[in-house]
């Protein structure tokens, strides 16, 4: 639940500007029209719902999730907590964190319960959760040594091995890797339409230049495999930006909004094809695998999930850049300008030599050349 200032992987799903330059706000799950709560709202809700007296509260900035707001607050005992309000509908993350805590698995910061014993309360079209604040830093910022990579692998293995009985119809708010209400294929169609117009944002030139590589990723998203799938609890977004290094040196996973029960490759592809513009070295990958332990992963499934993730991030950042650029057409807005520049930075970074699309392309072409092979490989000791 702790927010950090890390290189973002994507912004929320948005609709590109129309030919007239107008834009539609992000269409997030839950209540898309819910007013963004303030610190005063959060203070009142925390007291009413969780029975906690708030002595000090501040909003935490630096996150990229447009559907969420995070605050750090201190209670009357002097303890620091994190409160997160989100319009995302999935409850899998809070259920999974609670289940792991009950089993003694210290994979995430401990959560507080509401006065009614619930993990979250409902407020203003969204849900509010409270967890212990940690003064640790994310691994993307401070880095991990090889022992840390081994611990990272062991942590993710513990999550995947956790017994999490969930009814079939409640395995998560998404199937596979899809992380947004609006599918990336709809985003691609909208961007292609905008790029075909005689007039439009100059940033669409970046989309046109990348369209051939995006088409390759679209082929990767269609890869299939006959290999059987073992469904396990997944964090859903387990890159280093969501790995918290505690002051004690221990590791915890934060930001469980994308949690789902699915193939383990849903998490593991982020290790081989990282999304934070820092490739994983062979030594780091070997250390991670030592910690994770022996398992069999499906290479084609890894490539498929990585292709979808790259498409999600490319489409969402380009549409975010177009929306911000349209707002700037009505007058200078420092926030819109910063949002546009950041979205463009991430879009071009994904396609740069250290970006996830570039790291994936060689494996993707090999998988497409041999569509009959399932390519399961054993990893670990």
Protein backbone atom coordinates (compact mmCIF):
# COMPACT_ATOMS: atom_id res chain seq x y z
CA UNK A 1 0.00 0.00 0.00
CA UNK A 2 2.99 2.28 0.41
CA UNK A 3 3.45 4.60 -2.57
CA UNK A 4 6.88 5.33 -3.92
CA UNK A 5 8.40 7.58 -6.52
CA UNK A 6 9.64 5.05 -9.07
CA UNK A 7 9.78 4.95 -12.86
CA UNK A 8 6.11 4.36 -13.70
CA UNK A 9 5.06 1.43 -15.84
CA UNK A 10 1.77 2.86 -17.04
CA UNK A 11 -0.91 5.36 -16.23
CA UNK A 12 -4.61 4.70 -15.90
CA UNK A 13 -6.68 3.78 -18.94
CA UNK A 14 -7.93 6.83 -20.81
CA UNK A 15 -9.70 7.60 -24.05
CA UNK A 16 -7.64 9.49 -26.64
CA UNK A 17 -8.72 12.95 -27.68
CA UNK A 18 -11.28 13.21 -30.47
CA UNK A 19 -10.67 15.12 -33.65
CA UNK A 20 -11.88 18.26 -31.91
CA UNK A 21 -9.28 17.85 -29.21
CA UNK A 22 -11.60 16.93 -26.35
CA UNK A 23 -10.80 14.01 -24.11
CA UNK A 24 -12.69 11.60 -21.94
CA UNK A 25 -11.56 11.08 -18.32
CA UNK A 26 -10.09 7.73 -17.29
CA UNK A 27 -12.66 4.93 -17.11
CA UNK A 28 -11.60 3.07 -13.99
CA UNK A 29 -13.48 0.28 -12.36
CA UNK A 30 -15.76 1.21 -9.47
CA UNK A 31 -17.08 4.73 -9.74
CA UNK A 32 -15.27 6.63 -12.47
CA UNK A 33 -17.05 9.84 -11.45
CA UNK A 34 -16.18 9.62 -7.74
CA UNK A 35 -14.66 12.87 -6.47
CA UNK A 36 -11.06 12.53 -5.39
CA UNK A 37 -11.05 12.45 -1.57
CA UNK A 38 -8.96 14.87 0.46
CA UNK A 39 -6.88 14.33 3.57
CA UNK A 40 -9.78 15.74 5.60
CA UNK A 41 -12.07 13.10 4.09
CA UNK A 42 -9.57 10.37 4.91
CA UNK A 43 -9.15 11.58 8.50
CA UNK A 44 -12.90 11.47 9.03
CA UNK A 45 -13.34 8.05 7.39
CA UNK A 46 -10.42 6.44 9.25
CA UNK A 47 -11.90 7.54 12.57
CA UNK A 48 -15.44 6.47 11.71
CA UNK A 49 -14.61 3.17 10.00
CA UNK A 50 -11.47 1.94 11.75
CA UNK A 51 -11.88 3.58 15.15
CA UNK A 52 -8.44 5.19 14.93
CA UNK A 53 -7.72 8.73 16.13
CA UNK A 54 -5.64 10.55 13.52
CA UNK A 55 -3.22 13.17 14.85
CA UNK A 56 -1.46 13.95 11.57
CA UNK A 57 -2.14 13.01 7.95
CA UNK A 58 -0.55 13.84 4.59
CA UNK A 59 -1.16 12.64 1.05
CA UNK A 60 1.62 10.54 -0.46
CA UNK A 61 2.56 11.62 -3.99
CA UNK A 62 4.55 9.92 -6.71
CA UNK A 63 2.24 7.04 -7.58
CA UNK A 64 0.86 6.50 -11.11
CA UNK A 65 -2.50 4.92 -10.30
CA UNK A 66 -5.15 7.48 -11.25
CA UNK A 67 -7.83 5.42 -9.48
CA UNK A 68 -6.19 5.59 -6.04
CA UNK A 69 -5.13 8.05 -3.33
CA UNK A 70 -2.69 7.17 -0.53
CA UNK A 71 -2.09 8.96 2.77
CA UNK A 72 0.42 8.53 5.57
CA UNK A 73 -1.09 9.19 8.99
CA UNK A 74 -0.08 8.94 12.64
CA UNK A 75 -2.44 7.72 15.35
CA UNK A 76 -2.67 8.90 18.95
CA UNK A 77 -0.19 6.21 20.02
CA UNK A 78 2.43 7.67 17.68
CA UNK A 79 2.29 4.75 15.22
CA UNK A 80 2.48 5.46 11.49
CA UNK A 81 -0.04 3.95 9.06
CA UNK A 82 -0.86 4.02 5.37
CA UNK A 83 -4.43 4.51 4.15
CA UNK A 84 -5.37 3.78 0.55
CA UNK A 85 -8.64 4.65 -1.20
CA UNK A 86 -9.22 3.07 -4.61
CA UNK A 87 -12.05 2.69 -7.08
CA UNK A 88 -10.72 -0.65 -8.31
CA UNK A 89 -13.32 -3.33 -7.73
CA UNK A 90 -11.11 -6.35 -7.05
CA UNK A 91 -11.04 -7.62 -3.48
CA UNK A 92 -8.55 -10.38 -4.21
CA UNK A 93 -5.56 -8.39 -2.96
CA UNK A 94 -6.92 -7.64 0.51
CA UNK A 95 -8.26 -11.18 0.84
CA UNK A 96 -4.93 -12.68 -0.18
CA UNK A 97 -2.93 -10.44 2.18
CA UNK A 98 -5.29 -11.34 5.03
CA UNK A 99 -5.06 -15.03 4.22
CA UNK A 100 -1.25 -14.95 4.17
CA UNK A 101 -1.11 -13.02 7.44
CA UNK A 102 -3.41 -15.59 9.09
CA UNK A 103 -1.04 -18.32 7.89
CA UNK A 104 1.98 -16.52 9.35
CA UNK A 105 3.38 -15.47 5.98
CA UNK A 106 4.93 -12.01 6.37
CA UNK A 107 4.81 -11.09 2.66
CA UNK A 108 3.03 -7.74 3.03
CA UNK A 109 2.66 -4.99 5.64
CA UNK A 110 -0.03 -5.98 8.19
CA UNK A 111 -3.51 -4.55 7.66
CA UNK A 112 -5.92 -3.05 10.17
CA UNK A 113 -9.55 -4.17 10.35
CA UNK A 114 -12.58 -1.93 10.42
CA UNK A 115 -14.76 -1.67 13.52
CA UNK A 116 -16.96 -4.33 11.89
CA UNK A 117 -14.02 -6.68 11.33
CA UNK A 118 -13.76 -6.05 7.60
CA UNK A 119 -10.57 -5.50 5.61
CA UNK A 120 -11.88 -2.43 3.80
CA UNK A 121 -14.69 0.10 4.13
CA UNK A 122 -16.76 1.58 1.32
CA UNK A 123 -16.46 5.29 0.83
CA UNK A 124 -17.46 7.61 -2.04
CA UNK A 125 -17.65 4.95 -4.72
CA UNK A 126 -14.37 3.38 -3.64
CA UNK A 127 -12.85 1.25 -0.90
CA UNK A 128 -10.56 2.33 1.93
CA UNK A 129 -7.91 0.10 3.50
CA UNK A 130 -5.36 0.76 6.26
CA UNK A 131 -2.02 -0.94 6.75
CA UNK A 132 1.15 -0.37 8.75
CA UNK A 133 3.45 2.27 7.30
CA UNK A 134 7.00 1.20 6.53
CA UNK A 135 9.98 3.52 6.33
CA UNK A 136 11.62 1.13 3.88
CA UNK A 137 12.37 1.99 0.25
CA UNK A 138 11.47 0.18 -2.92
CA UNK A 139 14.04 -2.12 -4.47
CA UNK A 140 13.96 -0.20 -7.76
CA UNK A 141 15.41 2.80 -5.91
CA UNK A 142 17.90 1.18 -3.51
CA UNK A 143 18.70 -1.92 -5.58
CA UNK A 144 19.23 -5.50 -4.46
CA UNK A 145 22.47 -7.39 -4.05
CA UNK A 146 22.53 -11.04 -5.09
CA UNK A 147 21.37 -12.16 -1.64
CA UNK A 148 18.48 -9.73 -2.04
CA UNK A 149 17.59 -11.27 -5.39
CA UNK A 150 17.56 -14.69 -3.75
CA UNK A 151 15.27 -13.34 -1.04
CA UNK A 152 13.05 -11.80 -3.73
CA UNK A 153 12.69 -15.21 -5.37
CA UNK A 154 11.91 -16.88 -2.05
CA UNK A 155 9.31 -14.23 -1.23
CA UNK A 156 7.48 -14.71 -4.52
CA UNK A 157 7.69 -18.49 -4.16
CA UNK A 158 6.01 -18.23 -0.75
CA UNK A 159 3.16 -16.22 -2.29
CA UNK A 160 2.72 -18.73 -5.11
CA UNK A 161 2.80 -21.68 -2.71
CA UNK A 162 0.25 -20.20 -0.31
CA UNK A 163 -2.96 -22.20 0.04
CA UNK A 164 -5.58 -19.66 -0.99
CA UNK A 165 -8.93 -21.38 -1.57
CA UNK A 166 -11.06 -18.99 -3.57
CA UNK A 167 -14.32 -19.86 -5.31
CA UNK A 168 -14.00 -20.13 -9.09
CA UNK A 169 -16.11 -17.04 -9.74
CA UNK A 170 -14.01 -14.91 -7.38
CA UNK A 171 -10.50 -15.52 -8.64
CA UNK A 172 -9.95 -11.87 -9.34
CA UNK A 173 -11.34 -8.99 -11.33
CA UNK A 174 -9.46 -9.96 -14.48
CA UNK A 175 -8.44 -12.95 -16.52
CA UNK A 176 -4.76 -13.51 -17.14
CA UNK A 177 -2.78 -10.32 -17.28
CA UNK A 178 -5.45 -7.76 -18.16
CA UNK A 179 -5.03 -4.96 -15.62
CA UNK A 180 -7.54 -2.35 -16.83
CA UNK A 181 -11.21 -1.96 -17.44
CA UNK A 182 -10.57 -0.98 -21.06
CA UNK A 183 -8.77 -3.66 -23.08
CA UNK A 184 -5.55 -2.78 -24.85
CA UNK A 185 -7.02 -3.82 -28.22
CA UNK A 186 -9.66 -1.08 -27.87
CA UNK A 187 -6.88 1.37 -27.01
CA UNK A 188 -4.96 0.33 -30.13
CA UNK A 189 -8.00 0.83 -32.37
CA UNK A 190 -8.61 4.28 -30.88
CA UNK A 191 -4.99 5.32 -31.34
CA UNK A 192 -4.89 4.02 -34.90
CA UNK A 193 -8.01 6.05 -35.67
CA UNK A 194 -6.47 9.18 -34.18
CA UNK A 195 -3.20 8.59 -36.07
CA UNK A 196 -5.09 8.32 -39.37
CA UNK A 197 -6.60 11.79 -39.04
CA UNK A 198 -4.99 14.51 -41.18
CA UNK A 199 -4.62 16.73 -38.12
CA UNK A 200 -3.76 15.70 -34.63
CA UNK A 201 -1.21 15.80 -31.87
CA UNK A 202 2.42 15.70 -33.00
CA UNK A 203 2.94 13.01 -30.37
CA UNK A 204 1.03 10.62 -32.61
CA UNK A 205 4.17 10.53 -34.75
CA UNK A 206 5.70 8.42 -31.98
CA UNK A 207 2.79 5.99 -32.31
CA UNK A 208 3.12 5.81 -36.10
CA UNK A 209 6.87 5.19 -35.86
CA UNK A 210 6.36 2.38 -33.35
CA UNK A 211 3.38 0.78 -35.09
CA UNK A 212 5.42 -2.03 -36.69
CA UNK A 213 6.86 -3.06 -33.32
CA UNK A 214 3.42 -2.82 -31.75
CA UNK A 215 2.09 -5.16 -34.45
CA UNK A 216 4.78 -7.67 -33.46
CA UNK A 217 3.67 -7.45 -29.83
CA UNK A 218 0.08 -8.01 -30.96
CA UNK A 219 1.21 -11.30 -32.48
CA UNK A 220 2.87 -12.18 -29.19
CA UNK A 221 -0.38 -11.53 -27.33
CA UNK A 222 -2.01 -14.27 -29.43
CA UNK A 223 0.54 -16.98 -28.60
CA UNK A 224 -0.98 -20.17 -27.27
CA UNK A 225 0.49 -23.19 -25.55
CA UNK A 226 -0.78 -26.71 -24.92
CA UNK A 227 1.16 -26.89 -21.66
CA UNK A 228 -1.08 -27.38 -18.60
CA UNK A 229 -1.54 -24.40 -16.31
CA UNK A 230 -1.20 -24.51 -12.53
CA UNK A 231 -3.18 -21.67 -10.96
CA UNK A 232 -1.51 -20.02 -7.97
CA UNK A 233 -2.01 -16.78 -5.98
CA UNK A 234 -0.21 -14.01 -7.88
CA UNK A 235 0.70 -10.49 -6.83
CA UNK A 236 0.02 -9.41 -10.41
CA UNK A 237 2.54 -6.55 -10.56
CA UNK A 238 5.58 -7.90 -8.73
CA UNK A 239 8.28 -5.71 -10.27
CA UNK A 240 11.02 -4.19 -8.12
CA UNK A 241 9.06 -0.97 -7.64
CA UNK A 242 6.58 -2.98 -5.57
CA UNK A 243 9.24 -4.78 -3.50
CA UNK A 244 9.82 -2.90 -0.26
CA UNK A 245 13.22 -3.19 1.41
CA UNK A 246 12.60 -2.77 5.14
CA UNK A 247 15.10 -0.98 7.40
CA UNK A 248 15.90 -4.43 8.81
CA UNK A 249 16.82 -5.65 5.32
CA UNK A 250 13.77 -7.87 4.95
CA UNK A 251 11.57 -7.73 1.83
CA UNK A 252 7.84 -7.25 1.49
CA UNK A 253 5.52 -6.87 -1.46
CA UNK A 254 3.23 -3.82 -1.55
CA UNK A 255 0.41 -2.57 -3.79
CA UNK A 256 -1.71 -5.72 -4.09
CA UNK A 257 -4.46 -4.16 -6.22
CA UNK A 258 -3.57 -6.38 -9.19
CA UNK A 259 -3.61 -9.65 -7.22
CA UNK A 260 -5.28 -12.60 -8.95
CA UNK A 261 -5.22 -16.38 -9.00
CA UNK A 262 -3.53 -17.34 -12.27
CA UNK A 263 -0.43 -18.91 -13.86
CA UNK A 264 2.81 -18.20 -12.01
CA UNK A 265 4.22 -16.76 -15.23
CA UNK A 266 1.97 -13.76 -14.60
CA UNK A 267 4.50 -12.69 -11.94
CA UNK A 268 7.63 -14.36 -13.24
CA UNK A 269 7.66 -12.62 -16.62
CA UNK A 270 8.34 -9.33 -14.82
CA UNK A 271 11.64 -10.75 -13.59
CA UNK A 272 12.89 -11.81 -17.04
CA UNK A 273 11.35 -8.85 -18.88
CA UNK A 274 11.45 -6.02 -16.30
CA UNK A 275 9.31 -2.91 -16.84
CA UNK A 276 11.46 -0.35 -15.01
CA UNK A 277 14.10 0.12 -17.73
CA UNK A 278 16.78 -1.87 -15.88
CA UNK A 279 17.49 -5.29 -17.43
CA UNK A 280 17.96 -8.25 -15.10
CA UNK A 281 21.51 -9.57 -15.33
CA UNK A 282 22.23 -13.30 -15.69
CA UNK A 283 23.67 -13.29 -12.16
CA UNK A 284 20.57 -11.62 -10.73
CA UNK A 285 18.27 -14.02 -12.57
CA UNK A 286 20.25 -17.02 -11.30
CA UNK A 287 20.07 -15.68 -7.73
CA UNK A 288 16.31 -15.14 -8.05
CA UNK A 289 15.85 -18.70 -9.31
CA UNK A 290 17.88 -20.09 -6.41
CA UNK A 291 15.49 -18.38 -4.02
CA UNK A 292 12.38 -19.35 -5.95
CA UNK A 293 13.35 -23.00 -6.08
CA UNK A 294 12.77 -25.71 -8.69
CA UNK A 295 9.77 -25.22 -10.92
CA UNK A 296 8.74 -25.47 -14.55
CA UNK A 297 7.71 -22.36 -16.44
CA UNK A 298 6.21 -22.15 -19.90
CA UNK A 299 8.36 -19.99 -22.14
CA UNK A 300 5.57 -19.17 -24.57
CA UNK A 301 3.27 -18.13 -21.77
CA UNK A 302 6.02 -15.87 -20.40
CA UNK A 303 6.41 -14.22 -23.81
CA UNK A 304 2.65 -13.84 -24.22
CA UNK A 305 2.21 -12.17 -20.83
CA UNK A 306 5.19 -9.88 -21.45
CA UNK A 307 3.75 -8.89 -24.85
CA UNK A 308 0.39 -8.01 -23.30
CA UNK A 309 2.05 -6.05 -20.51
CA UNK A 310 4.08 -4.04 -23.03
CA UNK A 311 0.97 -3.33 -25.10
CA UNK A 312 -0.96 -2.22 -22.01
CA UNK A 313 1.81 0.13 -20.99
CA UNK A 314 2.40 1.52 -24.48
CA UNK A 315 -1.28 2.23 -25.16
CA UNK A 316 -2.03 3.71 -21.75
CA UNK A 317 0.97 6.04 -21.75
CA UNK A 318 0.35 7.26 -25.29
CA UNK A 319 -3.32 7.96 -24.59
CA UNK A 320 -2.36 9.73 -21.37
CA UNK A 321 0.08 11.91 -23.34
CA UNK A 322 -2.65 12.79 -25.85
CA UNK A 323 -5.18 13.70 -23.16
CA UNK A 324 -2.66 15.94 -21.40
CA UNK A 325 -1.64 17.53 -24.71
CA UNK A 326 -5.30 18.25 -25.50
CA UNK A 327 -5.67 20.00 -22.14
CA UNK A 328 -2.64 22.15 -22.95
CA UNK A 329 -4.46 23.29 -26.10
CA UNK A 330 -6.82 25.22 -23.83
CA UNK A 331 -4.03 27.04 -22.01
CA UNK A 332 -0.80 26.31 -20.19
CA UNK A 333 -1.25 23.89 -17.29
CA UNK A 334 1.95 22.88 -15.45
CA UNK A 335 0.36 19.66 -14.19
CA UNK A 336 -0.85 18.64 -17.64
CA UNK A 337 2.55 19.49 -19.12
CA UNK A 338 4.33 17.35 -16.52
CA UNK A 339 1.86 14.49 -17.07
CA UNK A 340 2.36 14.64 -20.84
CA UNK A 341 6.15 14.73 -20.62
CA UNK A 342 6.21 11.83 -18.15
CA UNK A 343 3.89 9.73 -20.31
CA UNK A 344 6.06 10.36 -23.36
CA UNK A 345 9.17 9.48 -21.37
CA UNK A 346 7.69 6.14 -20.34
CA UNK A 347 6.36 5.38 -23.84
CA UNK A 348 9.76 5.96 -25.45
CA UNK A 349 11.48 4.14 -22.58
CA UNK A 350 9.49 0.96 -23.20
CA UNK A 351 10.79 0.96 -26.78
CA UNK A 352 14.36 1.94 -25.83
CA UNK A 353 17.10 -0.73 -25.73
CA UNK A 354 16.55 -1.30 -21.99
CA UNK A 355 12.74 -1.19 -22.26
CA UNK A 356 10.51 -4.21 -21.86
CA UNK A 357 9.53 -4.29 -25.56
CA UNK A 358 13.15 -4.42 -26.68
CA UNK A 359 14.11 -7.02 -24.07
CA UNK A 360 11.27 -9.21 -25.29
CA UNK A 361 11.55 -9.01 -29.08
CA UNK A 362 14.22 -11.67 -29.68
CA UNK A 363 12.35 -14.25 -27.60
CA UNK A 364 9.08 -13.21 -29.22
CA UNK A 365 10.37 -13.71 -32.75
CA UNK A 366 11.73 -17.12 -31.78
CA UNK A 367 8.37 -18.13 -30.30
CA UNK A 368 6.51 -16.99 -33.40
CA UNK A 369 8.91 -18.94 -35.61
CA UNK A 370 8.09 -22.15 -33.74
CA UNK A 371 4.38 -21.96 -32.98
CA UNK A 372 4.15 -25.70 -32.36
CA UNK A 373 6.51 -25.74 -29.39
CA UNK A 374 5.23 -25.22 -25.86
CA UNK A 375 8.78 -24.58 -24.58
CA UNK A 376 8.36 -25.50 -20.91
CA UNK A 377 11.65 -25.13 -19.09
CA UNK A 378 12.74 -26.22 -15.63
CA UNK A 379 14.35 -23.49 -13.53
CA UNK A 380 15.87 -23.40 -10.09
CA UNK A 381 18.15 -25.78 -8.27
